[in-house]
Amino acid sequence: MKKIKINQAFIRLFTLIILSGAAFSFTAKFGLDSYSIYLNDQLLLKQWVNQPLNLRVLPLRTAKDTDQLRIRYNHCTIKNGAGTNRSVALQDAKGNIIKKWEFADATGSDLNMTIAVKELLKLEKTHANQELNLVYTARELPKGEMLSMLQF
């Protein structure tokens, strides 16, 4: 009689383990989207989306016309990290789009989106004394994510 009770306890435990494993195998990956912004090869900003907005100011005062701004956005739930139908827009404080750059879907390990600093400096001159923001959008993030404010 005791042998039957031990076997039943073992079967219940084994069933619980199997069901738990099956339940956790179908859950989504948890994590946070992140991005980094480089001026040429120099890291200016590395953020996770839950960090405070006041830290997201790009200092471009020393940037030259020949410099390149490289943005790399990693989606936490996508295998290679890159979104599809990616774009970066320069917006004013009211959310009006001043300029939008669209990028091809990333292939391989290069997830960078590159913007010529010359274009940003030109737009900054025509929109002086305005707060300008870089906003990333993708099919996976249609509402967009404010990446940074620009500081010239």
C-alpha atoms as a PDB file:
ATOM      1  CA  MET A   1       0.000   0.000   0.000  1.00  0.00           C
ATOM      2  CA  LYS A   2       2.804   2.448   0.796  1.00  0.00           C
ATOM      3  CA  LYS A   3       4.460   1.643  -2.508  1.00  0.00           C
ATOM      4  CA  ILE A   4       1.361   2.854  -4.381  1.00  0.00           C
ATOM      5  CA  LYS A   5       1.312   6.171  -2.479  1.00  0.00           C
ATOM      6  CA  ILE A   6       4.980   6.831  -3.300  1.00  0.00           C
ATOM      7  CA  ASN A   7       4.377   6.102  -6.988  1.00  0.00           C
ATOM      8  CA  GLN A   8       1.352   8.437  -7.027  1.00  0.00           C
ATOM      9  CA  ALA A   9       3.385  11.220  -5.405  1.00  0.00           C
ATOM     10  CA  PHE A  10       6.163  10.685  -7.949  1.00  0.00           C
ATOM     11  CA  ILE A  11       3.684  10.759 -10.855  1.00  0.00           C
ATOM     12  CA  ARG A  12       2.091  13.975  -9.566  1.00  0.00           C
ATOM     13  CA  LEU A  13       5.482  15.638  -9.166  1.00  0.00           C
ATOM     14  CA  PHE A  14       6.591  14.511 -12.625  1.00  0.00           C
ATOM     15  CA  THR A  15       3.315  15.787 -14.154  1.00  0.00           C
ATOM     16  CA  LEU A  16       3.736  19.154 -12.421  1.00  0.00           C
ATOM     17  CA  ILE A  17       7.282  19.490 -13.788  1.00  0.00           C
ATOM     18  CA  ILE A  18       6.186  18.635 -17.326  1.00  0.00           C
ATOM     19  CA  LEU A  19       3.240  21.064 -17.234  1.00  0.00           C
ATOM     20  CA  SER A  20       5.411  23.858 -15.807  1.00  0.00           C
ATOM     21  CA  GLY A  21       8.005  23.335 -18.523  1.00  0.00           C
ATOM     22  CA  ALA A  22       5.333  23.399 -21.207  1.00  0.00           C
ATOM     23  CA  ALA A  23       3.785  26.588 -19.814  1.00  0.00           C
ATOM     24  CA  PHE A  24       7.099  28.472 -19.664  1.00  0.00           C
ATOM     25  CA  SER A  25       8.191  27.373 -23.129  1.00  0.00           C
ATOM     26  CA  PHE A  26       5.457  29.507 -24.727  1.00  0.00           C
ATOM     27  CA  THR A  27       6.022  32.778 -22.868  1.00  0.00           C
ATOM     28  CA  ALA A  28       7.501  35.793 -24.642  1.00  0.00           C
ATOM     29  CA  LYS A  29      11.036  36.918 -23.973  1.00  0.00           C
ATOM     30  CA  PHE A  30      11.135  39.647 -21.368  1.00  0.00           C
ATOM     31  CA  GLY A  31      13.500  42.551 -21.606  1.00  0.00           C
ATOM     32  CA  LEU A  32      13.760  46.136 -22.691  1.00  0.00           C
ATOM     33  CA  ASP A  33      14.415  47.805 -26.000  1.00  0.00           C
ATOM     34  CA  SER A  34      17.697  49.669 -26.079  1.00  0.00           C
ATOM     35  CA  TYR A  35      19.550  51.956 -28.419  1.00  0.00           C
ATOM     36  CA  SER A  36      22.885  53.625 -28.829  1.00  0.00           C
ATOM     37  CA  ILE A  37      23.865  56.743 -30.755  1.00  0.00           C
ATOM     38  CA  TYR A  38      27.367  57.352 -32.069  1.00  0.00           C
ATOM     39  CA  LEU A  39      29.037  60.372 -33.607  1.00  0.00           C
ATOM     40  CA  ASN A  40      31.293  58.595 -36.088  1.00  0.00           C
ATOM     41  CA  ASP A  41      32.803  55.926 -33.791  1.00  0.00           C
ATOM     42  CA  GLN A  42      32.384  57.791 -30.497  1.00  0.00           C
ATOM     43  CA  LEU A  43      29.521  56.645 -28.280  1.00  0.00           C
ATOM     44  CA  LEU A  44      27.367  59.636 -27.326  1.00  0.00           C
ATOM     45  CA  LEU A  45      24.389  57.939 -25.760  1.00  0.00           C
ATOM     46  CA  LYS A  46      23.349  54.447 -24.722  1.00  0.00           C
ATOM     47  CA  GLN A  47      19.851  54.087 -23.317  1.00  0.00           C
ATOM     48  CA  TRP A  48      17.228  51.582 -22.315  1.00  0.00           C
ATOM     49  CA  VAL A  49      13.697  52.773 -22.931  1.00  0.00           C
ATOM     50  CA  ASN A  50      12.830  52.961 -19.237  1.00  0.00           C
ATOM     51  CA  GLN A  51      15.520  55.541 -18.414  1.00  0.00           C
ATOM     52  CA  PRO A  52      14.508  59.152 -17.698  1.00  0.00           C
ATOM     53  CA  LEU A  53      14.086  61.535 -20.636  1.00  0.00           C
ATOM     54  CA  ASN A  54      16.250  64.250 -19.123  1.00  0.00           C
ATOM     55  CA  LEU A  55      19.377  62.169 -19.843  1.00  0.00           C
ATOM     56  CA  ARG A  56      18.644  61.990 -23.565  1.00  0.00           C
ATOM     57  CA  VAL A  57      20.363  65.113 -24.887  1.00  0.00           C
ATOM     58  CA  LEU A  58      22.818  64.780 -27.766  1.00  0.00           C
ATOM     59  CA  PRO A  59      25.657  67.286 -27.540  1.00  0.00           C
ATOM     60  CA  LEU A  60      26.410  68.180 -31.173  1.00  0.00           C
ATOM     61  CA  ARG A  61      28.147  71.507 -30.553  1.00  0.00           C
ATOM     62  CA  THR A  62      31.508  70.158 -31.689  1.00  0.00           C
ATOM     63  CA  ALA A  63      30.156  68.126 -34.608  1.00  0.00           C
ATOM     64  CA  LYS A  64      31.506  68.828 -38.095  1.00  0.00           C
ATOM     65  CA  ASP A  65      29.712  68.765 -41.439  1.00  0.00           C
ATOM     66  CA  THR A  66      31.585  65.607 -42.408  1.00  0.00           C
ATOM     67  CA  ASP A  67      30.518  63.661 -39.291  1.00  0.00           C
ATOM     68  CA  GLN A  68      27.985  60.849 -39.304  1.00  0.00           C
ATOM     69  CA  LEU A  69      25.372  60.150 -36.638  1.00  0.00           C
ATOM     70  CA  ARG A  70      24.846  56.388 -36.310  1.00  0.00           C
ATOM     71  CA  ILE A  71      21.785  55.080 -34.466  1.00  0.00           C
ATOM     72  CA  ARG A  72      21.355  51.431 -33.497  1.00  0.00           C
ATOM     73  CA  TYR A  73      17.966  50.440 -32.044  1.00  0.00           C
ATOM     74  CA  ASN A  74      17.561  46.924 -30.603  1.00  0.00           C
ATOM     75  CA  HIS A  75      14.104  45.473 -30.118  1.00  0.00           C
ATOM     76  CA  CYS A  76      14.125  42.980 -27.238  1.00  0.00           C
ATOM     77  CA  THR A  77      11.635  40.564 -28.795  1.00  0.00           C
ATOM     78  CA  ILE A  78      13.196  40.249 -32.263  1.00  0.00           C
ATOM     79  CA  LYS A  79      15.833  37.619 -32.954  1.00  0.00           C
ATOM     80  CA  ASN A  80      18.445  39.899 -34.575  1.00  0.00           C
ATOM     81  CA  GLY A  81      17.239  43.024 -32.723  1.00  0.00           C
ATOM     82  CA  ALA A  82      16.474  45.130 -35.802  1.00  0.00           C
ATOM     83  CA  GLY A  83      13.001  46.348 -36.586  1.00  0.00           C
ATOM     84  CA  THR A  84      11.440  46.504 -40.039  1.00  0.00           C
ATOM     85  CA  ASN A  85      10.290  49.598 -41.932  1.00  0.00           C
ATOM     86  CA  ARG A  86      12.600  51.653 -39.735  1.00  0.00           C
ATOM     87  CA  SER A  87      12.701  55.434 -39.775  1.00  0.00           C
ATOM     88  CA  VAL A  88      14.074  58.314 -37.725  1.00  0.00           C
ATOM     89  CA  ALA A  89      12.272  61.651 -37.765  1.00  0.00           C
ATOM     90  CA  LEU A  90      13.334  65.064 -36.565  1.00  0.00           C
ATOM     91  CA  GLN A  91      10.363  66.646 -34.807  1.00  0.00           C
ATOM     92  CA  ASP A  92       9.680  69.955 -33.136  1.00  0.00           C
ATOM     93  CA  ALA A  93       8.236  70.250 -29.616  1.00  0.00           C
ATOM     94  CA  LYS A  94       4.674  70.042 -30.965  1.00  0.00           C
ATOM     95  CA  GLY A  95       5.385  66.746 -32.741  1.00  0.00           C
ATOM     96  CA  ASN A  96       5.491  68.187 -36.255  1.00  0.00           C
ATOM     97  CA  ILE A  97       7.872  66.256 -38.488  1.00  0.00           C
ATOM     98  CA  ILE A  98      10.601  68.480 -39.887  1.00  0.00           C
ATOM     99  CA  LYS A  99      12.516  65.727 -41.709  1.00  0.00           C
ATOM    100  CA  LYS A 100      12.194  61.953 -41.894  1.00  0.00           C
ATOM    101  CA  TRP A 101      14.894  59.457 -42.820  1.00  0.00           C
ATOM    102  CA  GLU A 102      13.771  55.978 -43.861  1.00  0.00           C
ATOM    103  CA  PHE A 103      16.072  52.974 -43.674  1.00  0.00           C
ATOM    104  CA  ALA A 104      16.084  49.574 -45.319  1.00  0.00           C
ATOM    105  CA  ASP A 105      15.517  46.504 -43.181  1.00  0.00           C
ATOM    106  CA  ALA A 106      18.805  45.456 -41.607  1.00  0.00           C
ATOM    107  CA  THR A 107      20.602  42.465 -43.026  1.00  0.00           C
ATOM    108  CA  GLY A 108      23.437  40.717 -41.263  1.00  0.00           C
ATOM    109  CA  SER A 109      24.967  42.243 -38.172  1.00  0.00           C
ATOM    110  CA  ASP A 110      24.894  45.905 -39.276  1.00  0.00           C
ATOM    111  CA  LEU A 111      21.826  47.390 -37.581  1.00  0.00           C
ATOM    112  CA  ASN A 112      22.994  50.997 -37.892  1.00  0.00           C
ATOM    113  CA  MET A 113      20.916  53.846 -39.269  1.00  0.00           C
ATOM    114  CA  THR A 114      23.210  56.648 -40.449  1.00  0.00           C
ATOM    115  CA  ILE A 115      22.329  60.335 -40.751  1.00  0.00           C
ATOM    116  CA  ALA A 116      24.742  62.972 -42.059  1.00  0.00           C
ATOM    117  CA  VAL A 117      25.376  65.608 -39.377  1.00  0.00           C
ATOM    118  CA  LYS A 118      25.463  68.165 -42.200  1.00  0.00           C
ATOM    119  CA  GLU A 119      21.709  67.632 -42.674  1.00  0.00           C
ATOM    120  CA  LEU A 120      21.022  68.096 -38.961  1.00  0.00           C
ATOM    121  CA  LEU A 121      23.097  71.276 -38.783  1.00  0.00           C
ATOM    122  CA  LYS A 122      21.265  72.697 -41.806  1.00  0.00           C
ATOM    123  CA  LEU A 123      17.884  71.935 -40.242  1.00  0.00           C
ATOM    124  CA  GLU A 124      18.982  73.390 -36.912  1.00  0.00           C
ATOM    125  CA  LYS A 125      19.812  76.698 -38.605  1.00  0.00           C
ATOM    126  CA  THR A 126      16.376  76.934 -40.216  1.00  0.00           C
ATOM    127  CA  HIS A 127      14.637  75.972 -36.952  1.00  0.00           C
ATOM    128  CA  ALA A 128      16.739  78.000 -34.505  1.00  0.00           C
ATOM    129  CA  ASN A 129      15.510  78.375 -30.931  1.00  0.00           C
ATOM    130  CA  GLN A 130      13.242  75.346 -31.247  1.00  0.00           C
ATOM    131  CA  GLU A 131      13.427  72.138 -29.286  1.00  0.00           C
ATOM    132  CA  LEU A 132      14.232  69.393 -31.808  1.00  0.00           C
ATOM    133  CA  ASN A 133      13.801  65.689 -31.078  1.00  0.00           C
ATOM    134  CA  LEU A 134      14.909  62.512 -32.820  1.00  0.00           C
ATOM    135  CA  VAL A 135      12.096  59.932 -32.878  1.00  0.00           C
ATOM    136  CA  TYR A 136      12.463  56.301 -34.001  1.00  0.00           C
ATOM    137  CA  THR A 137       9.575  54.340 -35.510  1.00  0.00           C
ATOM    138  CA  ALA A 138       9.317  50.838 -36.968  1.00  0.00           C
ATOM    139  CA  ARG A 139       6.619  48.332 -37.814  1.00  0.00           C
ATOM    140  CA  GLU A 140       7.241  46.861 -34.349  1.00  0.00           C
ATOM    141  CA  LEU A 141       7.034  50.301 -32.703  1.00  0.00           C
ATOM    142  CA  PRO A 142       4.429  52.286 -34.684  1.00  0.00           C
ATOM    143  CA  LYS A 143       3.856  54.960 -32.014  1.00  0.00           C
ATOM    144  CA  GLY A 144       7.571  55.735 -31.982  1.00  0.00           C
ATOM    145  CA  GLU A 145      10.183  56.248 -29.311  1.00  0.00           C
ATOM    146  CA  MET A 146      11.835  59.582 -28.620  1.00  0.00           C
ATOM    147  CA  LEU A 147      15.546  58.887 -28.763  1.00  0.00           C
ATOM    148  CA  SER A 148      17.030  62.236 -27.902  1.00  0.00           C
ATOM    149  CA  MET A 149      16.752  65.979 -27.919  1.00  0.00           C
ATOM    150  CA  LEU A 150      19.381  67.751 -29.990  1.00  0.00           C
ATOM    151  CA  GLN A 151      21.674  70.329 -28.476  1.00  0.00           C
ATOM    152  CA  PHE A 152      23.682  72.542 -30.821  1.00  0.00           C
END
